[in-house]
Amino acid sequence: MVPRIILLAVFLSACDDEADDDTSPDTDADTDADTDTDTDTDVDADLTFEIEGGIDSTVLTLNWFSPGPGEPAFDHPPLAALAVTSSSQGVAVTEPPSTDLVELDPKQWPGFQVAMYLPALHEDLDADRHHDEVEFWVGVGQVFPTWVAGTIPAEFSKMGLVEGWNAVLPGLSGFETDATLYPVTGIPLAAHLWPGLPITFGGTVEIAGDPSQMGLVALDMANWKNLLAESFPLTDPWALTMDERYPEDSVVWSEYDVGVGSGLLAALTDVDGSGGYSTKDMLAGWICNDFELIGIGWVEPPTDLFAAWYTDLLMGFAGWAPVTIDLYAGGFEPVDPADWTNLQISMDCSPW
C-alpha cells in the first residue's frame, strides 16, 4: 500500500502545487437542506457506494483531493455530505465547481481536466452532518470519484474514461493507463476504522499442563510494567477481552499522524498461586495462528481525515486487533477477523 501512496503523489506532482496548509477536514461544509446533496431515494444517483462495515449514525462525504506533490490538505468544503441510510448508498451530485478542476499536464494533455474526491465516512453523533473534532472517521475509500472535463486523451478514452463522473483506482503509475476503472454505480467503500474497543478473541489450548494453574496476559511492548489485560485461570477454550485503550504515554506517532502501540500475549504458569499476574510466573505458551506469533496491536482511532487516510492505507484498522508480529523485524499485520476465535496457545510459533 505504501508504494501506491508514493506513486499517487508522483501523479499529483504534475498538478498545481498551491494547496492550503490547513489539514483539517472540518471546513465550512454547507448543510442547508436547500443546497445539500439530495438523498431522496426517488432522485437518480450519479454515484453509488457499496459500503462494507457498519453504517449506523454515519455521514458519507466527498472530499476534494488536493493536487500537488505535497500531502493532501482536504481544505475545500465537502462536495457532498449526507447521512448514510443503506449499504448501497446513492449520491446525487452536480458538476463540481470550476475551482476543483485541475489540468493535469498542459503540455502532454492540453485541456484535460479532472477533479478527484476522496470518499469517507465519519460518525455523526449530533446528527448535524458536520464532522466535529470528537467524531471518528470510520472509513476511507481507495477508489476516487473523479469528474473529467475537456479533451480526453486517446489513451484514456481507450481505457474507458468518459466526460463526467468516473470511479478511479490509481495504478502503480498513479493516474495513468494502468489505473483501474470501477462502475460509478458500484464504488467500494470499506468502514474498517471503527474503534475496536472492547474486543474479545480466543481459541484452544495445545500445551501440556493444568490450565487451571495458568493464565493469560497482554504486556505492553513499549513498557513491560504496563499490564494491558489478564485472564486467570486459563480455560479451554480460552478467551481474552481488551476493554481499555492503550496507554497514551506509550503511543508511537508516525509522520502521517498515525498512532500505534502493541502488546505481547502469553500464557503463564501461576507459579506463586496468586491468581493473577506476577513477575514470578513462568512462560507456558504463546498465542499462535498456526506457526505465526500473535500479539495485540493498537491503532489510534482517527478524528482527522488526513490521519484517517493514512491509517486506512498503512494499518487497515483502528483500536485493538490481534496481529501477527515479528519480534526482530518489527511491525505487525492484523489477523483476519474470521480467525479471531480460532487461535491456539502453543509453542509452535515460539520466536526462539
Protein backbone atom coordinates (compact mmCIF):
# COMPACT_ATOMS: atom_id res chain seq x y z
CA MET A 1 0.00 0.00 0.00
CA VAL A 2 2.83 2.45 0.72
CA PRO A 3 4.14 2.36 -2.88
CA ARG A 4 0.67 3.38 -4.06
CA ILE A 5 0.84 6.45 -1.84
CA ILE A 6 4.21 7.43 -3.26
CA LEU A 7 3.17 6.87 -6.84
CA LEU A 8 -0.07 8.73 -6.36
CA ALA A 9 1.97 11.66 -5.11
CA VAL A 10 4.11 11.40 -8.25
CA PHE A 11 0.97 11.57 -10.37
CA LEU A 12 -0.32 14.56 -8.47
CA SER A 13 3.00 16.38 -8.80
CA ALA A 14 2.00 17.29 -12.37
CA CYS A 15 -0.78 19.40 -10.89
CA ASP A 16 -0.82 22.83 -9.30
CA ASP A 17 1.10 22.76 -6.01
CA GLU A 18 -0.64 25.64 -4.26
CA ALA A 19 -2.57 23.87 -1.51
CA ASP A 20 -3.70 25.47 1.73
CA ASP A 21 -1.72 24.43 4.82
CA ASP A 22 -4.91 23.73 6.79
CA THR A 23 -5.23 19.94 7.02
CA SER A 24 -8.49 19.94 8.93
CA PRO A 25 -11.42 18.25 7.22
CA ASP A 26 -13.76 20.20 9.47
CA THR A 27 -14.30 23.02 6.97
CA ASP A 28 -17.42 25.01 6.29
CA ALA A 29 -19.43 22.33 4.54
CA ASP A 30 -22.88 23.68 3.74
CA THR A 31 -25.55 21.58 5.39
CA ASP A 32 -28.53 23.70 4.42
CA ALA A 33 -31.27 21.38 3.21
CA ASP A 34 -31.79 23.52 0.10
CA THR A 35 -28.19 23.19 -1.09
CA ASP A 36 -27.03 19.81 0.19
CA THR A 37 -26.89 16.70 -1.90
CA ASP A 38 -30.40 15.32 -2.31
CA THR A 39 -30.64 11.91 -0.68
CA ASP A 40 -34.26 11.22 -1.62
CA THR A 41 -34.48 7.69 -2.95
CA ASP A 42 -36.61 8.95 -5.86
CA VAL A 43 -33.68 11.01 -7.17
CA ASP A 44 -31.40 9.30 -9.67
CA ALA A 45 -27.96 8.76 -8.15
CA ASP A 46 -24.88 9.91 -10.04
CA LEU A 47 -22.68 7.74 -7.80
CA THR A 48 -23.46 4.64 -5.77
CA PHE A 49 -21.20 3.40 -2.99
CA GLU A 50 -21.14 -0.22 -1.83
CA ILE A 51 -20.26 0.09 1.84
CA GLU A 52 -18.67 -2.80 3.74
CA GLY A 53 -18.99 -2.49 7.52
CA GLY A 54 -21.12 -0.58 9.99
CA ILE A 55 -23.09 2.41 8.76
CA ASP A 56 -25.20 3.37 11.80
CA SER A 57 -25.14 7.14 12.50
CA THR A 58 -22.57 7.84 9.81
CA VAL A 59 -22.18 10.54 7.18
CA LEU A 60 -20.65 10.00 3.74
CA THR A 61 -18.55 12.88 2.45
CA LEU A 62 -16.79 13.54 -0.85
CA ASN A 63 -13.60 15.44 -0.10
CA TRP A 64 -11.58 17.26 -2.74
CA PHE A 65 -8.22 15.56 -3.09
CA SER A 66 -5.83 18.48 -3.28
CA PRO A 67 -3.28 18.43 -6.08
CA GLY A 68 0.48 18.86 -5.85
CA PRO A 69 3.40 16.73 -4.68
CA GLY A 70 2.71 17.52 -1.02
CA GLU A 71 0.22 15.87 1.29
CA PRO A 72 -3.50 16.34 0.58
CA ALA A 73 -4.83 19.32 2.51
CA PHE A 74 -8.54 18.43 2.34
CA ASP A 75 -9.10 22.18 2.56
CA HIS A 76 -12.28 22.51 0.46
CA PRO A 77 -15.80 22.08 1.85
CA PRO A 78 -17.06 18.57 1.00
CA LEU A 79 -18.77 18.31 -2.35
CA ALA A 80 -21.38 16.15 -0.61
CA ALA A 81 -22.24 15.32 3.00
CA LEU A 82 -25.19 13.01 3.51
CA ALA A 83 -26.50 10.69 6.17
CA VAL A 84 -25.95 7.05 5.20
CA THR A 85 -29.14 5.01 5.14
CA SER A 86 -28.09 1.93 3.15
CA SER A 87 -25.03 -0.23 2.50
CA SER A 88 -25.70 0.56 -1.17
CA GLN A 89 -25.76 4.33 -0.88
CA GLY A 90 -26.63 6.53 -3.85
CA VAL A 91 -25.42 10.11 -4.11
CA ALA A 92 -26.82 12.73 -6.48
CA VAL A 93 -24.17 15.36 -7.16
CA THR A 94 -23.94 18.24 -9.56
CA GLU A 95 -20.95 19.27 -11.66
CA PRO A 96 -18.04 20.23 -9.38
CA PRO A 97 -17.13 23.90 -9.04
CA SER A 98 -14.52 25.13 -11.50
CA THR A 99 -12.10 25.74 -8.63
CA ASP A 100 -11.92 21.97 -8.09
CA LEU A 101 -10.86 21.23 -11.68
CA VAL A 102 -7.16 20.70 -12.37
CA GLU A 103 -5.42 20.47 -15.75
CA LEU A 104 -3.15 17.51 -15.15
CA ASP A 105 -0.41 18.18 -17.71
CA PRO A 106 -0.94 21.17 -20.03
CA LYS A 107 1.99 20.12 -22.24
CA GLN A 108 1.22 16.42 -22.61
CA TRP A 109 -2.58 16.57 -22.31
CA PRO A 110 -3.74 20.13 -23.04
CA GLY A 111 -7.32 20.77 -21.97
CA PHE A 112 -7.63 17.52 -19.97
CA GLN A 113 -9.09 18.39 -16.56
CA VAL A 114 -10.11 16.33 -13.55
CA ALA A 115 -11.50 16.86 -10.06
CA MET A 116 -10.78 13.98 -7.66
CA TYR A 117 -12.65 13.27 -4.43
CA LEU A 118 -11.80 11.03 -1.51
CA PRO A 119 -14.94 9.31 -0.20
CA ALA A 120 -15.02 8.91 3.58
CA LEU A 121 -17.38 8.01 6.41
CA HIS A 122 -17.47 9.68 9.81
CA GLU A 123 -19.55 9.33 12.93
CA ASP A 124 -22.36 11.83 13.27
CA LEU A 125 -23.06 11.85 16.99
CA ASP A 126 -25.15 15.03 16.91
CA ALA A 127 -26.89 14.33 13.56
CA ASP A 128 -25.79 17.64 12.03
CA ARG A 129 -23.87 16.15 9.07
CA HIS A 130 -20.79 18.18 10.03
CA HIS A 131 -17.63 16.42 11.18
CA ASP A 132 -16.79 17.53 14.71
CA GLU A 133 -13.35 17.07 16.26
CA VAL A 134 -14.57 14.33 18.63
CA GLU A 135 -16.18 12.27 15.87
CA PHE A 136 -14.20 9.37 14.44
CA TRP A 137 -13.56 8.83 10.76
CA VAL A 138 -14.57 5.18 10.34
CA GLY A 139 -13.99 4.55 6.64
CA VAL A 140 -11.89 5.89 3.77
CA GLY A 141 -12.19 4.81 0.13
CA GLN A 142 -9.38 3.72 -2.18
CA VAL A 143 -11.43 4.36 -5.33
CA PHE A 144 -11.77 8.07 -6.16
CA PRO A 145 -14.91 9.52 -7.73
CA THR A 146 -13.35 11.64 -10.47
CA TRP A 147 -15.00 14.26 -12.64
CA VAL A 148 -13.46 14.51 -16.12
CA ALA A 149 -13.85 17.53 -18.40
CA GLY A 150 -12.28 18.93 -21.55
CA THR A 151 -10.27 16.99 -24.12
CA ILE A 152 -9.80 13.36 -23.08
CA PRO A 153 -6.53 11.92 -24.46
CA ALA A 154 -6.94 8.88 -26.71
CA GLU A 155 -5.12 6.56 -24.31
CA PHE A 156 -7.59 7.42 -21.55
CA SER A 157 -10.58 7.06 -23.85
CA LYS A 158 -9.37 3.55 -24.72
CA MET A 159 -9.31 2.57 -21.04
CA GLY A 160 -12.90 3.76 -20.69
CA LEU A 161 -12.60 7.23 -19.17
CA VAL A 162 -15.54 9.43 -20.11
CA GLU A 163 -16.65 13.01 -19.59
CA GLY A 164 -18.49 13.48 -16.32
CA TRP A 165 -18.20 11.07 -13.41
CA ASN A 166 -15.77 8.15 -13.29
CA ALA A 167 -14.50 5.95 -10.44
CA VAL A 168 -10.72 5.54 -10.49
CA LEU A 169 -8.36 3.31 -8.52
CA PRO A 170 -4.86 4.69 -9.24
CA GLY A 171 -2.39 2.13 -10.55
CA LEU A 172 1.35 1.81 -9.99
CA SER A 173 1.89 4.88 -12.15
CA GLY A 174 -0.85 6.90 -10.47
CA PHE A 175 -3.48 8.32 -12.80
CA GLU A 176 -2.08 6.65 -15.89
CA THR A 177 -3.39 3.98 -18.23
CA ASP A 178 -2.69 1.28 -15.62
CA ALA A 179 -5.35 2.77 -13.34
CA THR A 180 -8.46 0.64 -12.82
CA LEU A 181 -11.93 1.98 -13.53
CA TYR A 182 -14.92 0.91 -11.46
CA PRO A 183 -18.55 1.43 -12.39
CA VAL A 184 -19.87 4.63 -10.81
CA THR A 185 -22.83 2.52 -9.69
CA GLY A 186 -20.59 0.23 -7.61
CA ILE A 187 -17.82 2.18 -5.86
CA PRO A 188 -16.36 0.17 -2.95
CA LEU A 189 -16.01 1.90 0.42
CA ALA A 190 -14.85 -0.05 3.48
CA ALA A 191 -15.71 1.08 7.01
CA HIS A 192 -12.62 -0.56 8.55
CA LEU A 193 -11.78 2.11 11.09
CA TRP A 194 -14.48 1.69 13.69
CA PRO A 195 -12.62 1.72 17.03
CA GLY A 196 -12.05 -1.88 18.15
CA LEU A 197 -12.79 -1.38 21.84
CA PRO A 198 -13.66 -3.65 23.50
CA ILE A 199 -12.74 -6.77 21.55
CA THR A 200 -12.61 -10.45 22.54
CA PHE A 201 -10.58 -13.16 20.86
CA GLY A 202 -9.69 -16.73 21.81
CA GLY A 203 -9.20 -20.32 20.77
CA THR A 204 -7.86 -23.64 22.05
CA VAL A 205 -5.13 -24.81 24.45
CA GLU A 206 -2.44 -27.00 22.88
CA ILE A 207 0.15 -27.19 25.64
CA ALA A 208 0.70 -29.70 28.44
CA GLY A 209 -0.26 -28.91 31.99
CA ASP A 210 -3.29 -27.98 34.08
CA PRO A 211 -5.00 -24.90 32.59
CA SER A 212 -6.46 -24.03 35.97
CA GLN A 213 -2.91 -23.30 37.17
CA MET A 214 -2.24 -20.95 34.28
CA GLY A 215 -3.40 -17.59 32.99
CA LEU A 216 -3.21 -15.20 30.05
CA VAL A 217 -1.54 -11.79 29.95
CA ALA A 218 -1.04 -8.95 27.49
CA LEU A 219 2.08 -6.91 28.31
CA ASP A 220 2.89 -3.52 26.78
CA MET A 221 5.87 -3.99 24.44
CA ALA A 222 6.85 -0.34 24.98
CA ASN A 223 6.83 -0.66 28.77
CA TRP A 224 6.86 -4.12 30.29
CA LYS A 225 5.50 -2.72 33.55
CA ASN A 226 2.17 -1.98 31.86
CA LEU A 227 -0.24 -4.91 32.13
CA LEU A 228 -2.74 -4.35 29.33
CA ALA A 229 -5.06 -7.25 30.21
CA GLU A 230 -5.08 -10.56 32.07
CA SER A 231 -7.33 -13.58 32.44
CA PHE A 232 -6.83 -16.08 35.31
CA PRO A 233 -7.35 -19.01 35.46
CA LEU A 234 -6.90 -20.28 31.91
CA THR A 235 -9.79 -22.23 30.39
CA ASP A 236 -10.03 -24.45 27.33
CA PRO A 237 -11.35 -22.97 25.11
CA TRP A 238 -9.88 -19.66 26.26
CA ALA A 239 -10.81 -16.03 25.65
CA LEU A 240 -9.23 -12.66 26.37
CA THR A 241 -11.01 -9.31 26.32
CA MET A 242 -9.32 -5.96 25.71
CA ASP A 243 -11.63 -3.34 27.21
CA GLU A 244 -9.26 -0.44 27.97
CA ARG A 245 -7.47 1.77 25.46
CA TYR A 246 -3.69 1.53 25.02
CA PRO A 247 -1.73 3.77 27.44
CA GLU A 248 -1.48 7.21 25.86
CA ASP A 249 2.11 7.74 27.04
CA SER A 250 3.20 4.61 25.16
CA VAL A 251 1.66 5.54 21.79
CA VAL A 252 4.21 5.99 18.99
CA TRP A 253 3.22 8.59 16.38
CA SER A 254 4.33 8.49 12.75
CA GLU A 255 4.91 11.44 10.43
CA TYR A 256 1.49 10.66 8.96
CA ASP A 257 -0.29 11.29 12.31
CA VAL A 258 -0.92 7.56 12.80
CA GLY A 259 -0.52 6.44 16.43
CA VAL A 260 0.29 2.80 17.22
CA GLY A 261 1.12 0.51 20.11
CA SER A 262 1.47 -3.21 20.70
CA GLY A 263 1.31 -5.86 23.37
CA LEU A 264 2.91 -9.28 23.78
CA LEU A 265 0.47 -12.10 24.52
CA ALA A 266 1.48 -15.14 26.54
CA ALA A 267 0.13 -17.98 28.67
CA LEU A 268 1.85 -18.19 32.04
CA THR A 269 2.07 -20.79 34.78
CA ASP A 270 0.84 -19.22 38.01
CA VAL A 271 3.92 -20.25 40.00
CA ASP A 272 3.09 -18.38 43.20
CA GLY A 273 -0.63 -19.24 43.09
CA SER A 274 -1.56 -15.57 43.31
CA GLY A 275 -4.50 -15.95 40.91
CA GLY A 276 -3.13 -13.14 38.79
CA TYR A 277 -0.04 -11.91 37.00
CA SER A 278 3.24 -11.61 38.90
CA THR A 279 6.87 -11.46 37.84
CA LYS A 280 7.41 -14.95 39.29
CA ASP A 281 5.08 -16.56 36.72
CA MET A 282 6.72 -18.75 34.08
CA LEU A 283 6.07 -18.85 30.34
CA ALA A 284 3.82 -21.75 29.37
CA GLY A 285 2.93 -20.93 25.77
CA TRP A 286 2.47 -18.30 23.09
CA ILE A 287 -0.63 -17.22 21.22
CA CYS A 288 -0.32 -18.66 17.71
CA ASN A 289 -2.17 -18.66 14.44
CA ASP A 290 -0.70 -21.93 13.20
CA PHE A 291 3.04 -21.04 13.08
CA GLU A 292 2.61 -17.26 13.26
CA LEU A 293 3.24 -15.46 16.55
CA ILE A 294 0.23 -13.39 17.55
CA GLY A 295 0.29 -10.24 19.65
CA ILE A 296 -2.19 -7.45 20.19
CA GLY A 297 -1.96 -4.23 18.19
CA TRP A 298 -3.43 -0.80 18.84
CA VAL A 299 -4.05 1.94 16.27
CA GLU A 300 -5.37 5.31 17.42
CA PRO A 301 -8.92 5.83 16.08
CA PRO A 302 -8.58 8.89 13.82
CA THR A 303 -10.59 12.07 14.27
CA ASP A 304 -8.73 13.85 11.44
CA LEU A 305 -9.28 12.98 7.77
CA PHE A 306 -5.58 13.18 6.89
CA ALA A 307 -4.79 10.70 9.68
CA ALA A 308 -7.73 8.52 8.69
CA TRP A 309 -6.49 8.30 5.09
CA TYR A 310 -3.07 7.09 6.21
CA THR A 311 -4.48 4.89 8.96
CA ASP A 312 -6.50 3.02 6.36
CA LEU A 313 -3.62 2.84 3.87
CA LEU A 314 -0.92 1.78 6.32
CA MET A 315 -2.79 -0.17 9.01
CA GLY A 316 -6.29 -1.07 7.82
CA PHE A 317 -7.90 -0.97 11.28
CA ALA A 318 -8.31 1.19 14.37
CA GLY A 319 -8.47 0.37 18.08
CA TRP A 320 -7.44 -3.15 19.13
CA ALA A 321 -6.90 -6.17 16.91
CA PRO A 322 -4.93 -9.43 17.19
CA VAL A 323 -1.87 -9.02 14.97
CA THR A 324 0.91 -11.13 13.50
CA ILE A 325 4.15 -9.80 14.95
CA ASP A 326 7.84 -10.17 14.20
CA LEU A 327 9.89 -9.50 17.33
CA TYR A 328 13.02 -8.94 15.26
CA ALA A 329 11.88 -7.03 12.18
CA GLY A 330 9.17 -5.04 13.96
CA GLY A 331 5.77 -4.06 12.59
CA PHE A 332 2.57 -6.05 12.59
CA GLU A 333 -0.31 -7.14 10.37
CA PRO A 334 -3.91 -7.54 11.56
CA VAL A 335 -5.28 -11.07 11.82
CA ASP A 336 -8.29 -11.88 9.66
CA PRO A 337 -11.36 -11.45 11.94
CA ALA A 338 -12.51 -14.91 10.82
CA ASP A 339 -9.54 -16.32 12.79
CA TRP A 340 -10.03 -14.33 15.99
CA THR A 341 -11.72 -17.23 17.78
CA ASN A 342 -9.52 -19.94 16.24
CA LEU A 343 -6.13 -19.06 17.74
CA GLN A 344 -4.03 -21.53 19.72
CA ILE A 345 -1.99 -21.44 22.90
CA SER A 346 1.04 -23.35 21.71
CA MET A 347 4.83 -23.38 21.40
CA ASP A 348 4.66 -23.86 17.64
CA CYS A 349 5.17 -20.14 16.97
CA SER A 350 7.89 -19.55 19.55
CA PRO A 351 10.28 -16.82 18.37
CA TRP A 352 13.22 -18.66 19.99
